[in-house]
Structure formats: C-alpha cells, structure tokens
Protein backbone atom coordinates (compact mmCIF):
# COMPACT_ATOMS: atom_id res chain seq x y z
CA MET A 1 2.71 -11.66 -3.53
CA LYS A 2 0.43 -9.11 -1.94
CA VAL A 3 1.13 -5.37 -2.10
CA VAL A 4 -0.76 -2.46 -0.49
CA ILE A 5 -1.49 0.61 -2.68
CA TYR A 6 -3.51 3.80 -2.28
CA THR A 7 -6.26 4.03 -4.88
CA ASN A 8 -7.39 7.64 -4.58
CA TYR A 9 -5.83 11.05 -4.92
CA GLY A 10 -3.84 12.33 -2.00
CA GLY A 11 -1.16 9.75 -1.39
CA PHE A 12 -0.36 6.66 0.63
CA CYS A 13 -0.38 6.79 4.43
CA VAL A 14 -0.93 4.30 7.19
CA PRO A 15 -3.85 5.39 9.39
CA GLU A 16 -2.66 6.38 12.86
CA GLU A 17 -4.67 3.78 14.63
CA LEU A 18 -2.66 1.08 12.76
CA TRP A 19 0.84 2.36 13.62
CA GLU A 20 1.26 0.24 16.67
CA GLU A 21 -0.47 -2.76 15.09
CA VAL A 22 1.99 -2.82 12.16
CA GLY A 23 5.00 -1.91 14.29
CA CYS A 24 5.76 1.59 13.11
CA ASP A 25 5.61 5.04 14.51
CA LYS A 26 4.77 8.45 13.13
CA HIS A 27 8.17 8.82 11.35
CA GLN A 28 8.01 5.32 9.75
CA ALA A 29 4.39 5.45 8.62
CA TRP A 30 5.31 6.84 5.18
CA THR A 31 8.09 4.34 4.53
CA ILE A 32 6.55 1.03 5.72
CA ASP A 33 7.14 -1.95 3.42
CA ARG A 34 4.00 -2.32 1.26
CA THR A 35 4.44 -6.14 1.42
CA ASP A 36 4.60 -6.15 5.27
CA LYS A 37 2.41 -9.07 6.40
CA ARG A 38 1.11 -7.15 9.42
CA LEU A 39 0.02 -4.24 7.21
CA ILE A 40 -1.71 -6.57 4.72
CA LYS A 41 -3.47 -8.43 7.50
CA ALA A 42 -4.69 -5.20 9.06
CA ILE A 43 -5.95 -3.83 5.75
CA GLU A 44 -7.68 -7.06 4.79
CA ALA A 45 -9.31 -7.30 8.19
CA ARG A 46 -10.83 -3.90 7.60
CA ALA A 47 -11.80 -4.50 3.96
CA CYS A 48 -15.44 -4.59 4.93
CA ASP A 49 -15.18 -0.98 6.14
CA ASN A 50 -16.65 0.94 3.24
CA CYS A 51 -15.67 4.31 4.61
CA GLY A 52 -13.09 6.06 6.67
CA GLU A 53 -9.33 5.87 6.22
CA TYR A 54 -9.30 2.31 4.85
CA LYS A 55 -11.50 2.64 1.79
CA ASN A 56 -8.56 3.85 -0.35
CA LEU A 57 -6.06 1.27 0.76
CA THR A 58 -6.19 -1.81 -1.49
CA VAL A 59 -4.33 -5.10 -1.29
CA VAL A 60 -3.28 -6.19 -4.82
CA THR A 61 -2.05 -9.70 -5.58
CA ILE A 62 0.68 -9.97 -8.20
CA PRO A 63 2.81 -13.02 -9.28
CA ASP A 64 5.71 -13.67 -6.92
CA ASP A 65 8.32 -13.59 -9.72
CA VAL A 66 7.39 -10.10 -11.07
CA GLU A 67 9.79 -7.27 -10.52
CA TYR A 68 7.44 -4.34 -9.81
CA THR A 69 7.37 -0.69 -8.88
CA ILE A 70 4.57 1.41 -7.44
CA LYS A 71 3.74 4.37 -9.74
CA GLU A 72 1.55 7.28 -8.74
CA TYR A 73 -0.16 10.31 -10.19
CA ASP A 74 -1.29 12.96 -7.64
CA GLY A 75 -1.15 10.27 -4.98
CA MET A 76 -3.30 7.69 -6.85
CA GLU A 77 -1.15 4.55 -7.10
CA HIS A 78 -0.93 1.50 -9.35
CA ILE A 79 1.61 -1.29 -9.69
CA ALA A 80 3.72 -1.54 -12.83
CA GLU A 81 6.08 -4.26 -13.92
CA VAL A 82 9.67 -2.97 -14.18
CA HIS A 83 11.05 -2.93 -17.64
CA ARG A 84 13.99 -1.31 -19.40
CA THR A 85 13.90 2.34 -20.51
CA TRP A 86 16.43 4.26 -22.59
CA ARG A 87 16.70 8.00 -23.28
C-alpha cells in the first residue's frame, strides 16, 4: 500500500494546483485520503521536482496488511504501526 506523508516541519497540505487534479477543493485539501490513488499518482509524477511545494511530500510503501497511523511532530510526519497502549 502507498501512503503520502509530509517529511518536513510545517504540516501536510495538498498544493493548490493539485486540488482539481485529485478531486478536492480548498475545504477538503487538509482531509484528503493519504492513500488516494489520484494523489499518489500526482505526487509520484512530480517526484523529479526537487523544489517547490512537492519536495516535502513523500510516497511511502508499506505492507498491505499493516494497520498504521500517521504520527507527526511539528508537522513532520512518519508512519507507525498501530499497537496496543495502556495507561
């Protein structure tokens, strides 16, 4: 499975020029499904862009059977496998 994450400080966002391409608008850009095939295709197509709004968007491949969550610190994200926690 492929998942899009933001790999720098500041936080995930879909660049405005992609909104129409991935089928979202201004109000949906923060909540788009990170596994959306249109989003992944758009980011991978721009992977050669070493600057601009795409350099911090990364497509990560994880096993299909992994239950995951996206964790972040100051906007910098990583994928973590879900596990049990008690307090």
